[in-house]
Amino acid sequence: MAKLNRKGLVYANSVLAGEILEYRDGLIETYEFVYNDEYVKSGVPIGHRFPVEQLKYEFDVLPPFFTNLLSEGWVKFHQSAKARLDKADEFGLLLANGAEIIGAISIIKVEVND
């Protein structure tokens, strides 16, 4: 059974838009994005692949919308070393650096209690 592993709050223009969640079942990771109830009333999607609806968007891999927010090249290498994360851990890098992403979207890490 998949267990919640890591979680981030997704902000759009400093307004809480929703949550991005990572679940782990053994070595398998899955992801889920869900809009905040209050944000749904605004009707403004965070991206065209995420229409504003009261449903869970579920994925077998971290969606490109989120991976494209990550740094590349030497900056990604530096950020992974500083956060002590594998540079292939895209969700970890997103949570570690998401508060300082350039643009309208930011991701804030939330501690998950077992």
N, C-alpha and C. Protein backbone atom coordinates (compact mmCIF):
# COMPACT_ATOMS: atom_id res chain seq x y z
N MET A 1 0.85 -1.19 0.00
CA MET A 1 0.00 0.00 0.00
C MET A 1 0.88 1.24 0.00
N ALA A 2 0.58 2.18 -0.86
CA ALA A 2 1.36 3.41 -0.97
C ALA A 2 1.18 4.28 0.27
N LYS A 3 2.29 4.84 0.71
CA LYS A 3 2.30 5.68 1.91
C LYS A 3 2.81 7.07 1.53
N LEU A 4 2.20 8.11 2.09
CA LEU A 4 2.65 9.47 1.83
C LEU A 4 4.09 9.61 2.26
N ASN A 5 4.94 10.04 1.34
CA ASN A 5 6.37 10.14 1.58
C ASN A 5 6.81 11.60 1.78
N ARG A 6 6.46 12.46 0.81
CA ARG A 6 6.84 13.88 0.89
C ARG A 6 5.71 14.73 0.32
N LYS A 7 5.71 16.00 0.75
CA LYS A 7 4.59 16.88 0.39
C LYS A 7 5.08 18.32 0.23
N GLY A 8 4.47 19.02 -0.71
CA GLY A 8 4.77 20.43 -0.89
C GLY A 8 3.50 21.22 -1.16
N LEU A 9 3.47 22.44 -0.67
CA LEU A 9 2.36 23.35 -0.96
C LEU A 9 2.72 24.14 -2.21
N VAL A 10 1.79 24.23 -3.14
CA VAL A 10 2.01 24.91 -4.40
C VAL A 10 1.34 26.28 -4.34
N TYR A 11 2.12 27.33 -4.54
CA TYR A 11 1.61 28.69 -4.55
C TYR A 11 1.69 29.25 -5.96
N ALA A 12 0.66 29.98 -6.36
CA ALA A 12 0.64 30.68 -7.64
C ALA A 12 0.46 32.16 -7.33
N ASN A 13 1.45 32.96 -7.69
CA ASN A 13 1.43 34.39 -7.38
C ASN A 13 1.16 34.63 -5.90
N SER A 14 1.85 33.86 -5.06
CA SER A 14 1.79 33.96 -3.59
C SER A 14 0.45 33.55 -2.98
N VAL A 15 -0.41 32.91 -3.76
CA VAL A 15 -1.70 32.42 -3.26
C VAL A 15 -1.63 30.90 -3.25
N LEU A 16 -2.03 30.29 -2.13
CA LEU A 16 -2.02 28.83 -2.04
C LEU A 16 -2.95 28.24 -3.10
N ALA A 17 -2.35 27.48 -4.02
CA ALA A 17 -3.12 26.90 -5.13
C ALA A 17 -3.46 25.44 -4.87
N GLY A 18 -2.57 24.71 -4.19
CA GLY A 18 -2.83 23.29 -3.97
C GLY A 18 -1.66 22.59 -3.32
N GLU A 19 -1.66 21.26 -3.44
CA GLU A 19 -0.61 20.42 -2.85
C GLU A 19 -0.09 19.45 -3.90
N ILE A 20 1.22 19.22 -3.86
CA ILE A 20 1.84 18.18 -4.65
C ILE A 20 2.34 17.13 -3.66
N LEU A 21 1.96 15.89 -3.88
CA LEU A 21 2.25 14.81 -2.93
C LEU A 21 3.02 13.70 -3.62
N GLU A 22 3.94 13.11 -2.87
CA GLU A 22 4.67 11.94 -3.36
C GLU A 22 4.33 10.77 -2.46
N TYR A 23 3.91 9.67 -3.07
CA TYR A 23 3.61 8.44 -2.34
C TYR A 23 4.66 7.40 -2.69
N ARG A 24 4.99 6.56 -1.73
CA ARG A 24 5.96 5.49 -1.98
C ARG A 24 5.37 4.16 -1.54
N ASP A 25 5.54 3.18 -2.42
CA ASP A 25 5.16 1.80 -2.15
C ASP A 25 6.37 0.96 -2.51
N GLY A 26 7.19 0.64 -1.51
CA GLY A 26 8.45 -0.05 -1.76
C GLY A 26 9.39 0.90 -2.50
N LEU A 27 9.79 0.54 -3.70
CA LEU A 27 10.67 1.40 -4.50
C LEU A 27 9.90 2.22 -5.54
N ILE A 28 8.59 2.07 -5.56
CA ILE A 28 7.75 2.75 -6.55
C ILE A 28 7.22 4.05 -5.96
N GLU A 29 7.40 5.14 -6.72
CA GLU A 29 6.89 6.45 -6.30
C GLU A 29 5.81 6.89 -7.27
N THR A 30 4.74 7.46 -6.73
CA THR A 30 3.68 8.06 -7.53
C THR A 30 3.43 9.46 -7.00
N TYR A 31 2.76 10.28 -7.82
CA TYR A 31 2.57 11.68 -7.47
C TYR A 31 1.12 12.08 -7.66
N GLU A 32 0.73 13.09 -6.90
CA GLU A 32 -0.65 13.57 -6.95
C GLU A 32 -0.63 15.08 -6.77
N PHE A 33 -1.40 15.77 -7.59
CA PHE A 33 -1.62 17.20 -7.39
C PHE A 33 -3.10 17.42 -7.18
N VAL A 34 -3.44 18.24 -6.20
CA VAL A 34 -4.84 18.57 -5.94
C VAL A 34 -4.92 20.05 -5.59
N TYR A 35 -5.90 20.72 -6.19
CA TYR A 35 -6.11 22.14 -5.91
C TYR A 35 -6.70 22.35 -4.53
N ASN A 36 -6.36 23.47 -3.93
CA ASN A 36 -6.96 23.92 -2.68
C ASN A 36 -8.41 24.32 -2.96
N ASP A 37 -9.32 23.98 -2.04
CA ASP A 37 -10.74 24.27 -2.23
C ASP A 37 -11.00 25.75 -2.51
N GLU A 38 -10.36 26.63 -1.78
CA GLU A 38 -10.57 28.07 -1.96
C GLU A 38 -10.02 28.54 -3.31
N TYR A 39 -8.91 27.96 -3.73
CA TYR A 39 -8.29 28.37 -4.99
C TYR A 39 -9.17 28.00 -6.19
N VAL A 40 -9.90 26.91 -6.08
CA VAL A 40 -10.77 26.47 -7.18
C VAL A 40 -11.76 27.57 -7.56
N LYS A 41 -12.19 28.35 -6.59
CA LYS A 41 -13.15 29.43 -6.84
C LYS A 41 -12.57 30.52 -7.74
N SER A 42 -11.24 30.65 -7.77
CA SER A 42 -10.61 31.68 -8.60
C SER A 42 -10.70 31.34 -10.08
N GLY A 43 -10.73 30.05 -10.39
CA GLY A 43 -10.83 29.62 -11.78
C GLY A 43 -9.57 29.80 -12.60
N VAL A 44 -8.44 30.10 -11.96
CA VAL A 44 -7.19 30.33 -12.68
C VAL A 44 -6.28 29.11 -12.52
N PRO A 45 -6.04 28.35 -13.59
CA PRO A 45 -5.19 27.15 -13.47
C PRO A 45 -3.72 27.52 -13.30
N ILE A 46 -2.96 26.63 -12.66
CA ILE A 46 -1.52 26.86 -12.52
C ILE A 46 -0.80 26.58 -13.84
N GLY A 47 -1.44 25.81 -14.71
CA GLY A 47 -0.90 25.48 -16.02
C GLY A 47 -1.99 24.88 -16.88
N HIS A 48 -1.81 24.88 -18.19
CA HIS A 48 -2.90 24.41 -19.07
C HIS A 48 -3.17 22.92 -18.94
N ARG A 49 -2.25 22.14 -18.41
CA ARG A 49 -2.48 20.71 -18.19
C ARG A 49 -3.17 20.43 -16.85
N PHE A 50 -3.44 21.50 -16.10
CA PHE A 50 -4.08 21.36 -14.79
C PHE A 50 -5.31 22.26 -14.71
N PRO A 51 -6.38 21.94 -15.46
CA PRO A 51 -7.59 22.75 -15.35
C PRO A 51 -8.06 22.80 -13.89
N VAL A 52 -8.64 23.92 -13.51
CA VAL A 52 -9.08 24.08 -12.12
C VAL A 52 -10.34 23.26 -11.90
N GLU A 53 -10.16 22.13 -11.23
CA GLU A 53 -11.27 21.23 -10.92
C GLU A 53 -11.03 20.61 -9.56
N GLN A 54 -12.10 20.16 -8.93
CA GLN A 54 -11.99 19.48 -7.63
C GLN A 54 -11.74 18.00 -7.88
N LEU A 55 -10.55 17.67 -8.33
CA LEU A 55 -10.19 16.28 -8.51
C LEU A 55 -8.70 16.12 -8.26
N LYS A 56 -8.29 14.88 -8.12
CA LYS A 56 -6.87 14.58 -7.90
C LYS A 56 -6.25 14.24 -9.25
N TYR A 57 -5.16 14.93 -9.57
CA TYR A 57 -4.38 14.59 -10.75
C TYR A 57 -3.31 13.61 -10.30
N GLU A 58 -3.34 12.40 -10.83
CA GLU A 58 -2.42 11.35 -10.38
C GLU A 58 -1.45 10.98 -11.50
N PHE A 59 -0.18 10.73 -11.11
CA PHE A 59 0.88 10.47 -12.09
C PHE A 59 1.83 9.39 -11.60
N ASP A 60 2.38 8.64 -12.55
CA ASP A 60 3.42 7.64 -12.24
C ASP A 60 4.80 8.28 -12.15
N VAL A 61 4.96 9.44 -12.75
CA VAL A 61 6.22 10.20 -12.69
C VAL A 61 5.87 11.65 -12.37
N LEU A 62 6.84 12.39 -11.87
CA LEU A 62 6.61 13.80 -11.59
C LEU A 62 6.31 14.51 -12.91
N PRO A 63 5.17 15.20 -13.01
CA PRO A 63 4.77 15.82 -14.28
C PRO A 63 5.79 16.85 -14.78
N PRO A 64 5.92 16.97 -16.11
CA PRO A 64 6.84 17.94 -16.70
C PRO A 64 6.60 19.37 -16.21
N PHE A 65 5.35 19.73 -15.91
CA PHE A 65 5.09 21.07 -15.40
C PHE A 65 5.98 21.37 -14.20
N PHE A 66 6.14 20.39 -13.31
CA PHE A 66 6.94 20.58 -12.11
C PHE A 66 8.43 20.37 -12.36
N THR A 67 8.79 19.38 -13.17
CA THR A 67 10.23 19.16 -13.44
C THR A 67 10.83 20.32 -14.20
N ASN A 68 10.03 20.99 -15.02
CA ASN A 68 10.54 22.14 -15.78
C ASN A 68 10.77 23.37 -14.91
N LEU A 69 10.34 23.33 -13.66
CA LEU A 69 10.62 24.42 -12.73
C LEU A 69 12.03 24.31 -12.14
N LEU A 70 12.65 23.14 -12.31
CA LEU A 70 13.97 22.88 -11.72
C LEU A 70 15.09 23.54 -12.50
N SER A 71 16.17 23.83 -11.79
CA SER A 71 17.38 24.34 -12.42
C SER A 71 18.02 23.24 -13.24
N GLU A 72 18.95 23.64 -14.11
CA GLU A 72 19.67 22.68 -14.94
C GLU A 72 21.17 22.91 -14.79
N GLY A 73 21.94 21.97 -15.34
CA GLY A 73 23.39 22.12 -15.43
C GLY A 73 24.08 22.24 -14.09
N TRP A 74 25.06 23.16 -14.05
CA TRP A 74 25.88 23.30 -12.84
C TRP A 74 25.06 23.80 -11.65
N VAL A 75 24.00 24.56 -11.91
CA VAL A 75 23.16 25.05 -10.81
C VAL A 75 22.45 23.87 -10.15
N LYS A 76 21.92 22.96 -10.95
CA LYS A 76 21.27 21.76 -10.42
C LYS A 76 22.27 20.92 -9.63
N PHE A 77 23.48 20.79 -10.15
CA PHE A 77 24.53 20.04 -9.46
C PHE A 77 24.83 20.69 -8.11
N HIS A 78 24.97 22.01 -8.10
CA HIS A 78 25.25 22.75 -6.86
C HIS A 78 24.10 22.60 -5.86
N GLN A 79 22.86 22.75 -6.34
CA GLN A 79 21.70 22.65 -5.45
C GLN A 79 21.57 21.25 -4.86
N SER A 80 21.85 20.23 -5.66
CA SER A 80 21.75 18.86 -5.14
C SER A 80 22.83 18.59 -4.11
N ALA A 81 24.04 19.11 -4.34
CA ALA A 81 25.13 18.93 -3.37
C ALA A 81 24.81 19.67 -2.07
N LYS A 82 24.33 20.89 -2.19
CA LYS A 82 24.01 21.70 -1.01
C LYS A 82 22.89 21.06 -0.18
N ALA A 83 21.89 20.48 -0.85
CA ALA A 83 20.76 19.86 -0.15
C ALA A 83 21.04 18.40 0.21
N ARG A 84 22.21 17.91 -0.21
CA ARG A 84 22.59 16.50 0.02
C ARG A 84 21.55 15.55 -0.57
N LEU A 85 21.19 15.83 -1.81
CA LEU A 85 20.23 15.01 -2.55
C LEU A 85 20.89 14.51 -3.82
N ASP A 86 20.42 13.37 -4.28
CA ASP A 86 20.84 12.86 -5.58
C ASP A 86 20.28 13.81 -6.64
N LYS A 87 21.07 14.16 -7.65
CA LYS A 87 20.58 15.10 -8.66
C LYS A 87 19.43 14.52 -9.48
N ALA A 88 19.20 13.20 -9.39
CA ALA A 88 18.06 12.57 -10.05
C ALA A 88 16.79 12.65 -9.21
N ASP A 89 16.90 13.09 -7.96
CA ASP A 89 15.74 13.21 -7.07
C ASP A 89 15.03 14.54 -7.36
N GLU A 90 14.26 14.54 -8.42
CA GLU A 90 13.62 15.78 -8.86
C GLU A 90 12.62 16.32 -7.85
N PHE A 91 11.86 15.45 -7.23
CA PHE A 91 10.88 15.93 -6.24
C PHE A 91 11.61 16.52 -5.03
N GLY A 92 12.67 15.88 -4.59
CA GLY A 92 13.46 16.40 -3.48
C GLY A 92 14.05 17.76 -3.80
N LEU A 93 14.57 17.92 -5.02
CA LEU A 93 15.13 19.20 -5.44
C LEU A 93 14.05 20.27 -5.54
N LEU A 94 12.87 19.87 -5.99
CA LEU A 94 11.76 20.81 -6.07
C LEU A 94 11.38 21.32 -4.69
N LEU A 95 11.31 20.41 -3.72
CA LEU A 95 10.98 20.81 -2.35
C LEU A 95 12.09 21.63 -1.71
N ALA A 96 13.34 21.28 -2.00
CA ALA A 96 14.47 21.98 -1.39
C ALA A 96 14.66 23.39 -1.94
N ASN A 97 14.29 23.61 -3.20
CA ASN A 97 14.56 24.89 -3.85
C ASN A 97 13.32 25.61 -4.36
N GLY A 98 12.16 25.02 -4.13
CA GLY A 98 10.92 25.55 -4.70
C GLY A 98 10.49 26.91 -4.21
N ALA A 99 10.96 27.32 -3.05
CA ALA A 99 10.58 28.63 -2.52
C ALA A 99 11.23 29.76 -3.30
N GLU A 100 12.30 29.45 -4.05
CA GLU A 100 13.06 30.48 -4.76
C GLU A 100 13.02 30.31 -6.27
N ILE A 101 11.99 29.67 -6.77
CA ILE A 101 11.85 29.47 -8.21
C ILE A 101 11.51 30.80 -8.88
N ILE A 102 12.08 31.04 -10.05
CA ILE A 102 11.76 32.24 -10.81
C ILE A 102 10.40 32.04 -11.47
N GLY A 103 9.51 33.00 -11.33
CA GLY A 103 8.20 32.92 -11.95
C GLY A 103 7.08 32.95 -10.94
N ALA A 104 5.89 32.63 -11.41
CA ALA A 104 4.68 32.75 -10.60
C ALA A 104 4.49 31.60 -9.62
N ILE A 105 5.11 30.46 -9.87
CA ILE A 105 4.90 29.27 -9.05
C ILE A 105 6.00 29.12 -8.01
N SER A 106 5.63 28.76 -6.80
CA SER A 106 6.61 28.41 -5.77
C SER A 106 6.08 27.18 -5.03
N ILE A 107 7.02 26.40 -4.51
CA ILE A 107 6.69 25.16 -3.81
C ILE A 107 7.33 25.22 -2.43
N ILE A 108 6.55 25.04 -1.39
CA ILE A 108 7.04 25.07 -0.02
C ILE A 108 6.92 23.67 0.59
N LYS A 109 8.03 23.17 1.07
CA LYS A 109 8.07 21.83 1.66
C LYS A 109 7.28 21.80 2.96
N VAL A 110 6.53 20.70 3.14
CA VAL A 110 5.78 20.46 4.37
C VAL A 110 6.26 19.15 4.94
N GLU A 111 6.57 19.13 6.22
CA GLU A 111 7.01 17.89 6.86
C GLU A 111 5.84 16.92 6.95
N VAL A 112 6.13 15.66 6.68
CA VAL A 112 5.11 14.61 6.73
C VAL A 112 5.36 13.78 7.98
N ASN A 113 4.34 13.64 8.81
CA ASN A 113 4.44 12.81 10.01
C ASN A 113 3.97 11.41 9.69
N ASP A 114 4.70 10.43 10.21
CA ASP A 114 4.33 9.02 9.96
C ASP A 114 3.09 8.63 10.70
